[in-house]
Amino acid sequence: MFRPVPVPVLPPSTALADLATAGEHHAWLAGTTGVFTSRPSTPLVLSWTGDTWREEPLPDLPAAASLSGVSAAAPDDVWAVGNSAGRPLVLHYDGTAWQVVATPHIAWAKAVTAVHADDVHVVGAGRDALHFDGHRWRLRAATSSARESLQTITATGPHDVWAGGGGLAGAGPATYDYPVLVHWDGATWTEVAGPRTERGHVARLAAAAPHDVWLGHVRDTEGLRVHRWDGEQWNAVPAPEDTGRLSVHGVAAGWTWGVRATRGSFETRPAFHRWTGDAWTAVTLPDDLARASASHVGLATTGATTWAYLKTAAGVHVLRHTTP
């Protein structure tokens, strides 16, 4: 069962974006406050102290900004990415303080993975990705077309990094999107064949091991479908079964998250499912959250400890699930 942990009171204008872990006792939640208000939006990072979640002091920025991704290589090596004033925003935590890191320009920074302190990748809109080698940032061509965009990234090591997103083909009413999947081998990005899907986009990637990579693919109104890489090929994983209309939003290694709606209602209840090896099982939530309408649902797992977040009318909630 998921159990709630203390979270600071945050403004109703808060939007949650991503969660990262570094071992069993360290986690960070990234988002933005001031969304859809008259005030400039500002980045938000919460960190788990071992007893509670606290808001991290971030550098002052000269313009409105937002965060879309966070990744941790170690408790003293955390990276968060987003955008500010039309440029990528990259923040780094060294165990003492957060600092803004200058990088080359890409159109829109969406996701980050920190393999080591000297090996960080940032992806986003356009064909270029950013790579930090411990000394400098470099632009690396990751896709073949400027009409392709990467929005998710994961890694098992310096020579095994996956990134996914989508591209646009056709023109006018005949325009359609197609999935894009690329792989970094330590030197170059290469486009690789993903699951056999002609339309849609890769919404989420999560790697547990080189032979265990999870992929969430979205196609039109069909919702998210889960696939799993076994080291040789992609295999479709059956969708979770649940009461009502279940909409899966994301996938982690052995987990999915999303919302369910009952017939005749527009309210969406949070839904988390865990893979048992041959099927999905719904994970119980506290009664008050199980009945609440939720948005901004997400999750990250270390294997033994899984963190989940969601937003309701009562505010932001973070929950923890520990495997016996």
C-alpha atoms as a PDB file:
ATOM      1  CA  MET A   1       0.000   0.000   0.000  1.00  0.00           C
ATOM      2  CA  PHE A   2       1.085   3.561  -0.669  1.00  0.00           C
ATOM      3  CA  ARG A   3       1.439   5.641   2.482  1.00  0.00           C
ATOM      4  CA  PRO A   4       1.444   9.451   2.514  1.00  0.00           C
ATOM      5  CA  VAL A   5       4.428  11.409   3.801  1.00  0.00           C
ATOM      6  CA  PRO A   6       4.501  15.083   4.880  1.00  0.00           C
ATOM      7  CA  VAL A   7       4.686  17.671   2.098  1.00  0.00           C
ATOM      8  CA  PRO A   8       4.988  21.469   2.438  1.00  0.00           C
ATOM      9  CA  VAL A   9       1.914  23.518   1.551  1.00  0.00           C
ATOM     10  CA  LEU A  10       2.261  24.661  -2.061  1.00  0.00           C
ATOM     11  CA  PRO A  11       0.288  27.216  -4.082  1.00  0.00           C
ATOM     12  CA  PRO A  12      -2.769  25.977  -6.030  1.00  0.00           C
ATOM     13  CA  SER A  13      -0.914  27.125  -9.163  1.00  0.00           C
ATOM     14  CA  THR A  14       1.669  24.338  -8.740  1.00  0.00           C
ATOM     15  CA  ALA A  15       2.235  21.925 -11.649  1.00  0.00           C
ATOM     16  CA  LEU A  16       4.222  18.739 -11.004  1.00  0.00           C
ATOM     17  CA  ALA A  17       6.474  17.361 -13.730  1.00  0.00           C
ATOM     18  CA  ASP A  18       8.969  14.659 -12.740  1.00  0.00           C
ATOM     19  CA  LEU A  19      10.458  12.673  -9.872  1.00  0.00           C
ATOM     20  CA  ALA A  20      13.931  11.159  -9.426  1.00  0.00           C
ATOM     21  CA  THR A  21      15.599   8.939  -6.855  1.00  0.00           C
ATOM     22  CA  ALA A  22      19.174   8.231  -5.749  1.00  0.00           C
ATOM     23  CA  GLY A  23      19.088   5.092  -3.652  1.00  0.00           C
ATOM     24  CA  GLU A  24      16.410   4.199  -1.165  1.00  0.00           C
ATOM     25  CA  HIS A  25      16.573   7.335   0.989  1.00  0.00           C
ATOM     26  CA  HIS A  26      16.916  10.251  -1.431  1.00  0.00           C
ATOM     27  CA  ALA A  27      14.352  11.623  -3.875  1.00  0.00           C
ATOM     28  CA  TRP A  28      13.523  14.885  -5.648  1.00  0.00           C
ATOM     29  CA  LEU A  29      10.275  16.166  -7.151  1.00  0.00           C
ATOM     30  CA  ALA A  30      10.408  18.889  -9.819  1.00  0.00           C
ATOM     31  CA  GLY A  31       7.680  21.211 -11.023  1.00  0.00           C
ATOM     32  CA  THR A  32       6.599  24.814 -11.463  1.00  0.00           C
ATOM     33  CA  THR A  33       4.581  27.313  -9.442  1.00  0.00           C
ATOM     34  CA  GLY A  34       2.639  30.288 -10.761  1.00  0.00           C
ATOM     35  CA  VAL A  35       1.172  28.328 -13.677  1.00  0.00           C
ATOM     36  CA  PHE A  36      -1.777  30.097 -15.355  1.00  0.00           C
ATOM     37  CA  THR A  37      -1.535  33.109 -13.073  1.00  0.00           C
ATOM     38  CA  SER A  38      -0.634  36.753 -13.586  1.00  0.00           C
ATOM     39  CA  ARG A  39       2.677  36.172 -11.785  1.00  0.00           C
ATOM     40  CA  PRO A  40       5.791  34.849 -13.560  1.00  0.00           C
ATOM     41  CA  SER A  41       6.116  31.091 -13.202  1.00  0.00           C
ATOM     42  CA  THR A  42       9.027  29.853 -11.077  1.00  0.00           C
ATOM     43  CA  PRO A  43      10.822  26.489 -10.802  1.00  0.00           C
ATOM     44  CA  LEU A  44      10.078  24.208  -7.869  1.00  0.00           C
ATOM     45  CA  VAL A  45      12.123  21.354  -6.417  1.00  0.00           C
ATOM     46  CA  LEU A  46      11.161  19.334  -3.347  1.00  0.00           C
ATOM     47  CA  SER A  47      13.626  16.975  -1.677  1.00  0.00           C
ATOM     48  CA  TRP A  48      13.112  14.080   0.714  1.00  0.00           C
ATOM     49  CA  THR A  49      15.146  14.563   3.898  1.00  0.00           C
ATOM     50  CA  GLY A  50      14.472  11.142   5.377  1.00  0.00           C
ATOM     51  CA  ASP A  51      11.617  12.492   7.488  1.00  0.00           C
ATOM     52  CA  THR A  52       9.717  14.932   5.301  1.00  0.00           C
ATOM     53  CA  TRP A  53       9.683  16.687   1.944  1.00  0.00           C
ATOM     54  CA  ARG A  54      11.027  20.223   1.890  1.00  0.00           C
ATOM     55  CA  GLU A  55      11.186  22.948  -0.727  1.00  0.00           C
ATOM     56  CA  GLU A  56      14.698  23.523  -2.029  1.00  0.00           C
ATOM     57  CA  PRO A  57      16.114  27.080  -2.262  1.00  0.00           C
ATOM     58  CA  LEU A  58      16.763  27.697  -5.974  1.00  0.00           C
ATOM     59  CA  PRO A  59      18.714  30.532  -7.632  1.00  0.00           C
ATOM     60  CA  ASP A  60      16.810  33.698  -8.507  1.00  0.00           C
ATOM     61  CA  LEU A  61      16.105  33.923 -12.221  1.00  0.00           C
ATOM     62  CA  PRO A  62      15.622  37.101 -14.288  1.00  0.00           C
ATOM     63  CA  ALA A  63      12.615  35.728 -16.193  1.00  0.00           C
ATOM     64  CA  ALA A  64       9.733  33.303 -15.847  1.00  0.00           C
ATOM     65  CA  ALA A  65      10.853  29.680 -15.860  1.00  0.00           C
ATOM     66  CA  SER A  66       9.547  26.137 -15.599  1.00  0.00           C
ATOM     67  CA  LEU A  67      10.949  22.668 -14.921  1.00  0.00           C
ATOM     68  CA  SER A  68      10.081  19.541 -16.879  1.00  0.00           C
ATOM     69  CA  GLY A  69      12.622  16.931 -15.786  1.00  0.00           C
ATOM     70  CA  VAL A  70      14.915  15.868 -12.944  1.00  0.00           C
ATOM     71  CA  SER A  71      17.560  13.145 -12.566  1.00  0.00           C
ATOM     72  CA  ALA A  72      19.986  12.158  -9.815  1.00  0.00           C
ATOM     73  CA  ALA A  73      23.307  10.381 -10.239  1.00  0.00           C
ATOM     74  CA  ALA A  74      23.959  10.596  -6.481  1.00  0.00           C
ATOM     75  CA  PRO A  75      22.615  12.457  -3.431  1.00  0.00           C
ATOM     76  CA  ASP A  76      25.120  15.251  -4.159  1.00  0.00           C
ATOM     77  CA  ASP A  77      24.734  15.228  -7.939  1.00  0.00           C
ATOM     78  CA  VAL A  78      21.211  16.158  -9.032  1.00  0.00           C
ATOM     79  CA  TRP A  79      20.169  17.808 -12.315  1.00  0.00           C
ATOM     80  CA  ALA A  80      16.888  19.547 -13.187  1.00  0.00           C
ATOM     81  CA  VAL A  81      15.980  20.929 -16.611  1.00  0.00           C
ATOM     82  CA  GLY A  82      13.345  23.207 -18.047  1.00  0.00           C
ATOM     83  CA  ASN A  83      13.157  26.468 -19.915  1.00  0.00           C
ATOM     84  CA  SER A  84      13.380  30.206 -19.284  1.00  0.00           C
ATOM     85  CA  ALA A  85      13.191  33.136 -21.708  1.00  0.00           C
ATOM     86  CA  GLY A  86      13.279  30.855 -24.730  1.00  0.00           C
ATOM     87  CA  ARG A  87      16.423  29.026 -23.631  1.00  0.00           C
ATOM     88  CA  PRO A  88      17.102  25.752 -21.844  1.00  0.00           C
ATOM     89  CA  LEU A  89      17.330  26.039 -18.066  1.00  0.00           C
ATOM     90  CA  VAL A  90      19.719  23.576 -16.414  1.00  0.00           C
ATOM     91  CA  LEU A  91      20.074  23.495 -12.630  1.00  0.00           C
ATOM     92  CA  HIS A  92      22.650  21.432 -10.711  1.00  0.00           C
ATOM     93  CA  TYR A  93      22.775  20.471  -7.029  1.00  0.00           C
ATOM     94  CA  ASP A  94      26.230  19.572  -5.644  1.00  0.00           C
ATOM     95  CA  GLY A  95      25.115  18.544  -2.183  1.00  0.00           C
ATOM     96  CA  THR A  96      25.286  22.093  -0.871  1.00  0.00           C
ATOM     97  CA  ALA A  97      23.432  24.431  -3.210  1.00  0.00           C
ATOM     98  CA  TRP A  98      21.654  24.666  -6.550  1.00  0.00           C
ATOM     99  CA  GLN A  99      23.299  26.596  -9.374  1.00  0.00           C
ATOM    100  CA  VAL A 100      22.314  27.592 -12.891  1.00  0.00           C
ATOM    101  CA  VAL A 101      24.531  25.858 -15.456  1.00  0.00           C
ATOM    102  CA  ALA A 102      25.177  27.520 -18.821  1.00  0.00           C
ATOM    103  CA  THR A 103      24.709  25.252 -21.844  1.00  0.00           C
ATOM    104  CA  PRO A 104      24.523  25.526 -25.623  1.00  0.00           C
ATOM    105  CA  HIS A 105      21.086  26.320 -26.997  1.00  0.00           C
ATOM    106  CA  ILE A 106      18.441  23.749 -27.851  1.00  0.00           C
ATOM    107  CA  ALA A 107      14.868  24.627 -28.710  1.00  0.00           C
ATOM    108  CA  TRP A 108      13.134  23.224 -25.633  1.00  0.00           C
ATOM    109  CA  ALA A 109      14.656  21.132 -22.828  1.00  0.00           C
ATOM    110  CA  LYS A 110      12.277  18.383 -21.750  1.00  0.00           C
ATOM    111  CA  ALA A 111      14.157  15.585 -19.999  1.00  0.00           C
ATOM    112  CA  VAL A 112      17.509  14.766 -18.395  1.00  0.00           C
ATOM    113  CA  THR A 113      19.389  11.667 -17.304  1.00  0.00           C
ATOM    114  CA  ALA A 114      22.473  11.816 -15.099  1.00  0.00           C
ATOM    115  CA  VAL A 115      24.495   8.641 -15.558  1.00  0.00           C
ATOM    116  CA  HIS A 116      27.480   9.920 -13.574  1.00  0.00           C
ATOM    117  CA  ALA A 117      28.785  13.324 -12.511  1.00  0.00           C
ATOM    118  CA  ASP A 118      30.709  13.470 -15.787  1.00  0.00           C
ATOM    119  CA  ASP A 119      28.014  12.006 -18.019  1.00  0.00           C
ATOM    120  CA  VAL A 120      24.716  13.913 -18.336  1.00  0.00           C
ATOM    121  CA  HIS A 121      22.308  14.024 -21.293  1.00  0.00           C
ATOM    122  CA  VAL A 122      19.515  16.546 -21.939  1.00  0.00           C
ATOM    123  CA  VAL A 123      16.964  16.109 -24.742  1.00  0.00           C
ATOM    124  CA  GLY A 124      14.145  18.214 -26.102  1.00  0.00           C
ATOM    125  CA  ALA A 125      12.664  19.686 -29.251  1.00  0.00           C
ATOM    126  CA  GLY A 126      14.657  19.636 -32.472  1.00  0.00           C
ATOM    127  CA  ARG A 127      17.309  17.217 -33.626  1.00  0.00           C
ATOM    128  CA  ASP A 128      20.058  18.213 -31.152  1.00  0.00           C
ATOM    129  CA  ALA A 129      20.686  16.903 -27.638  1.00  0.00           C
ATOM    130  CA  LEU A 130      23.086  18.174 -24.973  1.00  0.00           C
ATOM    131  CA  HIS A 131      25.869  16.058 -23.467  1.00  0.00           C
ATOM    132  CA  PHE A 132      28.067  16.962 -20.494  1.00  0.00           C
ATOM    133  CA  ASP A 133      31.343  15.017 -20.214  1.00  0.00           C
ATOM    134  CA  GLY A 134      32.483  16.489 -16.930  1.00  0.00           C
ATOM    135  CA  HIS A 135      34.308  19.386 -18.561  1.00  0.00           C
ATOM    136  CA  ARG A 136      32.035  20.937 -21.159  1.00  0.00           C
ATOM    137  CA  TRP A 137      28.650  20.685 -22.827  1.00  0.00           C
ATOM    138  CA  ARG A 138      28.405  19.639 -26.450  1.00  0.00           C
ATOM    139  CA  LEU A 139      25.578  19.578 -28.945  1.00  0.00           C
ATOM    140  CA  ARG A 140      25.008  16.104 -30.354  1.00  0.00           C
ATOM    141  CA  ALA A 141      22.691  15.326 -33.261  1.00  0.00           C
ATOM    142  CA  ALA A 142      20.223  12.812 -31.832  1.00  0.00           C
ATOM    143  CA  THR A 143      17.565  12.560 -34.557  1.00  0.00           C
ATOM    144  CA  SER A 144      17.533  12.903 -38.335  1.00  0.00           C
ATOM    145  CA  SER A 145      14.937  15.666 -38.661  1.00  0.00           C
ATOM    146  CA  ALA A 146      14.214  19.033 -37.079  1.00  0.00           C
ATOM    147  CA  ARG A 147      10.552  17.979 -37.084  1.00  0.00           C
ATOM    148  CA  GLU A 148      11.367  15.302 -34.514  1.00  0.00           C
ATOM    149  CA  SER A 149      11.295  15.939 -30.766  1.00  0.00           C
ATOM    150  CA  LEU A 150      12.558  13.901 -27.811  1.00  0.00           C
ATOM    151  CA  GLN A 151      10.656  14.064 -24.544  1.00  0.00           C
ATOM    152  CA  THR A 152      11.876  11.147 -22.434  1.00  0.00           C
ATOM    153  CA  ILE A 153      15.277   9.639 -21.631  1.00  0.00           C
ATOM    154  CA  THR A 154      16.672   6.839 -19.480  1.00  0.00           C
ATOM    155  CA  ALA A 155      20.002   5.056 -19.020  1.00  0.00           C
ATOM    156  CA  THR A 156      21.564   1.956 -17.485  1.00  0.00           C
ATOM    157  CA  GLY A 157      25.144   3.148 -18.008  1.00  0.00           C
ATOM    158  CA  PRO A 158      27.378   5.423 -20.089  1.00  0.00           C
ATOM    159  CA  HIS A 159      27.065   3.189 -23.147  1.00  0.00           C
ATOM    160  CA  ASP A 160      23.372   2.415 -22.852  1.00  0.00           C
ATOM    161  CA  VAL A 161      21.123   5.491 -23.032  1.00  0.00           C
ATOM    162  CA  TRP A 162      17.658   5.495 -24.612  1.00  0.00           C
ATOM    163  CA  ALA A 163      15.610   8.532 -25.643  1.00  0.00           C
ATOM    164  CA  GLY A 164      12.194   8.697 -27.255  1.00  0.00           C
ATOM    165  CA  GLY A 165       9.631  11.076 -28.631  1.00  0.00           C
ATOM    166  CA  GLY A 166       7.895  11.689 -31.933  1.00  0.00           C
ATOM    167  CA  GLY A 167       8.049  13.380 -35.288  1.00  0.00           C
ATOM    168  CA  LEU A 168       5.624  14.935 -37.759  1.00  0.00           C
ATOM    169  CA  ALA A 169       5.121  13.721 -41.312  1.00  0.00           C
ATOM    170  CA  GLY A 170       2.869  14.898 -44.129  1.00  0.00           C
ATOM    171  CA  ALA A 171       1.297  18.305 -44.501  1.00  0.00           C
ATOM    172  CA  GLY A 172      -2.030  20.001 -43.815  1.00  0.00           C
ATOM    173  CA  PRO A 173      -4.919  17.676 -42.968  1.00  0.00           C
ATOM    174  CA  ALA A 174      -2.705  14.706 -43.830  1.00  0.00           C
ATOM    175  CA  THR A 175      -0.184  15.478 -41.052  1.00  0.00           C
ATOM    176  CA  TYR A 176       0.404  12.642 -38.610  1.00  0.00           C
ATOM    177  CA  ASP A 177       2.889  11.862 -35.847  1.00  0.00           C
ATOM    178  CA  TYR A 178       5.204   8.873 -35.704  1.00  0.00           C
ATOM    179  CA  PRO A 179       7.300   7.433 -32.862  1.00  0.00           C
ATOM    180  CA  VAL A 180      11.034   8.160 -32.588  1.00  0.00           C
ATOM    181  CA  LEU A 181      13.463   6.031 -30.587  1.00  0.00           C
ATOM    182  CA  VAL A 182      17.234   6.630 -30.407  1.00  0.00           C
ATOM    183  CA  HIS A 183      20.111   4.962 -28.544  1.00  0.00           C
ATOM    184  CA  TRP A 184      23.443   6.375 -27.290  1.00  0.00           C
ATOM    185  CA  ASP A 185      26.370   3.933 -27.265  1.00  0.00           C
ATOM    186  CA  GLY A 186      28.837   6.239 -25.572  1.00  0.00           C
ATOM    187  CA  ALA A 187      29.896   7.993 -28.763  1.00  0.00           C
ATOM    188  CA  THR A 188      26.913   8.642 -31.045  1.00  0.00           C
ATOM    189  CA  TRP A 189      23.135   8.636 -31.139  1.00  0.00           C
ATOM    190  CA  THR A 190      21.577   6.094 -33.511  1.00  0.00           C
ATOM    191  CA  GLU A 191      17.954   5.753 -34.521  1.00  0.00           C
ATOM    192  CA  VAL A 192      16.707   2.282 -33.643  1.00  0.00           C
ATOM    193  CA  ALA A 193      13.568   0.342 -34.389  1.00  0.00           C
ATOM    194  CA  GLY A 194      11.064   0.450 -31.576  1.00  0.00           C
ATOM    195  CA  PRO A 195       7.846  -1.516 -31.103  1.00  0.00           C
ATOM    196  CA  ARG A 196       5.939  -2.103 -34.338  1.00  0.00           C
ATOM    197  CA  THR A 197       3.853   1.032 -34.276  1.00  0.00           C
ATOM    198  CA  GLU A 198       3.449   3.367 -37.255  1.00  0.00           C
ATOM    199  CA  ARG A 199       1.723   6.294 -35.557  1.00  0.00           C
ATOM    200  CA  GLY A 200       1.892   8.108 -32.218  1.00  0.00           C
ATOM    201  CA  HIS A 201       4.911   8.925 -30.057  1.00  0.00           C
ATOM    202  CA  VAL A 202       7.075   7.505 -27.301  1.00  0.00           C
ATOM    203  CA  ALA A 203       5.847   9.162 -24.108  1.00  0.00           C
ATOM    204  CA  ARG A 204       7.975   7.474 -21.460  1.00  0.00           C
ATOM    205  CA  LEU A 205      11.093   5.331 -21.094  1.00  0.00           C
ATOM    206  CA  ALA A 206      12.417   3.674 -17.935  1.00  0.00           C
ATOM    207  CA  ALA A 207      15.359   1.267 -17.714  1.00  0.00           C
ATOM    208  CA  ALA A 208      16.019  -1.209 -14.922  1.00  0.00           C
ATOM    209  CA  ALA A 209      18.866  -3.019 -16.729  1.00  0.00           C
ATOM    210  CA  PRO A 210      20.280  -3.315 -20.281  1.00  0.00           C
ATOM    211  CA  HIS A 211      17.919  -6.223 -20.861  1.00  0.00           C
ATOM    212  CA  ASP A 212      14.951  -4.625 -19.071  1.00  0.00           C
ATOM    213  CA  VAL A 213      13.715  -1.339 -20.566  1.00  0.00           C
ATOM    214  CA  TRP A 214      10.100  -0.192 -20.317  1.00  0.00           C
ATOM    215  CA  LEU A 215       8.474   1.988 -22.967  1.00  0.00           C
ATOM    216  CA  GLY A 216       5.121   3.765 -22.996  1.00  0.00           C
ATOM    217  CA  HIS A 217       3.726   4.508 -26.471  1.00  0.00           C
ATOM    218  CA  VAL A 218       0.775   6.791 -27.146  1.00  0.00           C
ATOM    219  CA  ARG A 219      -1.267   6.606 -30.355  1.00  0.00           C
ATOM    220  CA  ASP A 220      -4.120   9.037 -30.978  1.00  0.00           C
ATOM    221  CA  THR A 221      -7.081   8.222 -28.733  1.00  0.00           C
ATOM    222  CA  GLU A 222      -5.926   4.701 -27.875  1.00  0.00           C
ATOM    223  CA  GLY A 223      -4.036   5.889 -24.814  1.00  0.00           C
ATOM    224  CA  LEU A 224      -0.693   4.618 -23.582  1.00  0.00           C
ATOM    225  CA  ARG A 225       0.468   1.105 -24.421  1.00  0.00           C
ATOM    226  CA  VAL A 226       3.353  -0.584 -22.593  1.00  0.00           C
ATOM    227  CA  HIS A 227       6.253  -2.444 -24.215  1.00  0.00           C
ATOM    228  CA  ARG A 228       9.290  -4.126 -22.648  1.00  0.00           C
ATOM    229  CA  TRP A 229      12.784  -4.646 -24.113  1.00  0.00           C
ATOM    230  CA  ASP A 230      14.388  -7.987 -23.176  1.00  0.00           C
ATOM    231  CA  GLY A 231      17.797  -7.277 -24.692  1.00  0.00           C
ATOM    232  CA  GLU A 232      16.846  -8.578 -28.120  1.00  0.00           C
ATOM    233  CA  GLN A 233      13.341  -7.398 -28.978  1.00  0.00           C
ATOM    234  CA  TRP A 234      10.357  -5.344 -27.808  1.00  0.00           C
ATOM    235  CA  ASN A 235       7.446  -7.266 -26.359  1.00  0.00           C
ATOM    236  CA  ALA A 236       3.962  -5.879 -25.812  1.00  0.00           C
ATOM    237  CA  VAL A 237       2.832  -5.960 -22.181  1.00  0.00           C
ATOM    238  CA  PRO A 238      -0.924  -6.326 -21.592  1.00  0.00           C
ATOM    239  CA  ALA A 239      -2.680  -3.215 -20.371  1.00  0.00           C
ATOM    240  CA  PRO A 240      -3.707  -3.070 -16.701  1.00  0.00           C
ATOM    241  CA  GLU A 241      -7.306  -4.050 -16.054  1.00  0.00           C
ATOM    242  CA  ASP A 242      -9.291  -1.816 -13.760  1.00  0.00           C
ATOM    243  CA  THR A 243     -12.797  -0.707 -12.950  1.00  0.00           C
ATOM    244  CA  GLY A 244     -14.214   2.216 -14.915  1.00  0.00           C
ATOM    245  CA  ARG A 245     -12.328   3.914 -17.743  1.00  0.00           C
ATOM    246  CA  LEU A 246      -8.595   3.624 -17.052  1.00  0.00           C
ATOM    247  CA  SER A 247      -6.211   6.049 -18.732  1.00  0.00           C
ATOM    248  CA  VAL A 248      -2.542   5.106 -18.299  1.00  0.00           C
ATOM    249  CA  HIS A 249      -0.278   8.178 -18.349  1.00  0.00           C
ATOM    250  CA  GLY A 250       3.187   6.762 -17.709  1.00  0.00           C
ATOM    251  CA  VAL A 251       5.349   3.718 -17.127  1.00  0.00           C
ATOM    252  CA  ALA A 252       8.307   2.962 -14.885  1.00  0.00           C
ATOM    253  CA  ALA A 253      10.217  -0.290 -14.449  1.00  0.00           C
ATOM    254  CA  GLY A 254       7.432  -2.601 -13.308  1.00  0.00           C
ATOM    255  CA  TRP A 255       4.892   0.163 -12.674  1.00  0.00           C
ATOM    256  CA  THR A 256       2.262   2.232 -14.448  1.00  0.00           C
ATOM    257  CA  TRP A 257       0.387   5.309 -13.332  1.00  0.00           C
ATOM    258  CA  GLY A 258      -2.671   7.143 -14.567  1.00  0.00           C
ATOM    259  CA  VAL A 259      -6.264   7.914 -13.674  1.00  0.00           C
ATOM    260  CA  ARG A 260      -9.602   6.134 -13.809  1.00  0.00           C
ATOM    261  CA  ALA A 261     -13.041   7.653 -14.336  1.00  0.00           C
ATOM    262  CA  THR A 262     -16.409   6.135 -13.525  1.00  0.00           C
ATOM    263  CA  ARG A 263     -19.185   6.143 -16.103  1.00  0.00           C
ATOM    264  CA  GLY A 264     -21.080   9.424 -16.232  1.00  0.00           C
ATOM    265  CA  SER A 265     -18.423  11.315 -14.280  1.00  0.00           C
ATOM    266  CA  PHE A 266     -15.661  13.707 -15.337  1.00  0.00           C
ATOM    267  CA  GLU A 267     -13.724  13.197 -12.106  1.00  0.00           C
ATOM    268  CA  THR A 268     -10.490  11.223 -12.425  1.00  0.00           C
ATOM    269  CA  ARG A 269      -9.210   9.040  -9.594  1.00  0.00           C
ATOM    270  CA  PRO A 270      -5.478   8.205  -9.305  1.00  0.00           C
ATOM    271  CA  ALA A 271      -4.483   4.679 -10.325  1.00  0.00           C
ATOM    272  CA  PHE A 272      -1.165   2.897  -9.823  1.00  0.00           C
ATOM    273  CA  HIS A 273      -0.441  -0.660 -10.966  1.00  0.00           C
ATOM    274  CA  ARG A 274       2.494  -2.955 -10.229  1.00  0.00           C
ATOM    275  CA  TRP A 275       3.754  -5.730 -12.524  1.00  0.00           C
ATOM    276  CA  THR A 276       3.810  -9.129 -10.822  1.00  0.00           C
ATOM    277  CA  GLY A 277       5.664 -10.946 -13.602  1.00  0.00           C
ATOM    278  CA  ASP A 278       2.680 -11.968 -15.704  1.00  0.00           C
ATOM    279  CA  ALA A 279      -0.048  -9.435 -14.854  1.00  0.00           C
ATOM    280  CA  TRP A 280      -0.719  -6.031 -13.312  1.00  0.00           C
ATOM    281  CA  THR A 281      -2.156  -5.583  -9.845  1.00  0.00           C
ATOM    282  CA  ALA A 282      -3.678  -2.354  -8.555  1.00  0.00           C
ATOM    283  CA  VAL A 283      -1.836  -0.837  -5.578  1.00  0.00           C
ATOM    284  CA  THR A 284      -4.032   0.428  -2.761  1.00  0.00           C
ATOM    285  CA  LEU A 285      -4.123   4.124  -1.883  1.00  0.00           C
ATOM    286  CA  PRO A 286      -5.315   5.751   1.350  1.00  0.00           C
ATOM    287  CA  ASP A 287      -9.111   6.069   1.252  1.00  0.00           C
ATOM    288  CA  ASP A 288      -9.206   9.864   1.023  1.00  0.00           C
ATOM    289  CA  LEU A 289      -6.840   9.919  -1.968  1.00  0.00           C
ATOM    290  CA  ALA A 290      -8.440   6.922  -3.657  1.00  0.00           C
ATOM    291  CA  ARG A 291     -11.740   8.858  -3.715  1.00  0.00           C
ATOM    292  CA  ALA A 292     -10.253  12.240  -4.731  1.00  0.00           C
ATOM    293  CA  SER A 293     -10.144  13.623  -8.239  1.00  0.00           C
ATOM    294  CA  ALA A 294      -6.471  13.887  -9.179  1.00  0.00           C
ATOM    295  CA  SER A 295      -4.127  15.317 -11.782  1.00  0.00           C
ATOM    296  CA  HIS A 296      -0.354  15.608 -12.266  1.00  0.00           C
ATOM    297  CA  VAL A 297       0.073  11.945 -11.384  1.00  0.00           C
ATOM    298  CA  GLY A 298       3.576  10.434 -11.528  1.00  0.00           C
ATOM    299  CA  LEU A 299       5.939   7.880 -10.059  1.00  0.00           C
ATOM    300  CA  ALA A 300       9.590   6.806  -9.734  1.00  0.00           C
ATOM    301  CA  THR A 301      11.016   3.604  -8.301  1.00  0.00           C
ATOM    302  CA  THR A 302      14.329   2.237  -7.072  1.00  0.00           C
ATOM    303  CA  GLY A 303      12.935  -1.274  -6.965  1.00  0.00           C
ATOM    304  CA  ALA A 304      12.591  -1.546  -3.188  1.00  0.00           C
ATOM    305  CA  THR A 305      11.150   1.933  -2.654  1.00  0.00           C
ATOM    306  CA  THR A 306       8.612   3.571  -4.944  1.00  0.00           C
ATOM    307  CA  TRP A 307       7.519   7.209  -4.707  1.00  0.00           C
ATOM    308  CA  ALA A 308       4.302   8.499  -6.224  1.00  0.00           C
ATOM    309  CA  TYR A 309       2.902  12.004  -6.461  1.00  0.00           C
ATOM    310  CA  LEU A 310      -0.446  13.485  -7.372  1.00  0.00           C
ATOM    311  CA  LYS A 311      -2.373  16.721  -7.035  1.00  0.00           C
ATOM    312  CA  THR A 312      -5.918  17.078  -5.734  1.00  0.00           C
ATOM    313  CA  ALA A 313      -8.104  20.015  -4.730  1.00  0.00           C
ATOM    314  CA  ALA A 314      -6.541  19.710  -1.275  1.00  0.00           C
ATOM    315  CA  GLY A 315      -3.020  20.203  -2.652  1.00  0.00           C
ATOM    316  CA  VAL A 316       0.069  18.186  -3.559  1.00  0.00           C
ATOM    317  CA  HIS A 317       0.472  14.686  -2.126  1.00  0.00           C
ATOM    318  CA  VAL A 318       3.511  12.390  -2.089  1.00  0.00           C
ATOM    319  CA  LEU A 319       3.274   8.711  -1.191  1.00  0.00           C
ATOM    320  CA  ARG A 320       5.797   5.962  -0.528  1.00  0.00           C
ATOM    321  CA  HIS A 321       5.558   2.243  -1.202  1.00  0.00           C
ATOM    322  CA  THR A 322       8.187  -0.136   0.230  1.00  0.00           C
ATOM    323  CA  THR A 323       8.597  -3.681  -1.020  1.00  0.00           C
ATOM    324  CA  PRO A 324       8.963  -6.168   1.837  1.00  0.00           C
END
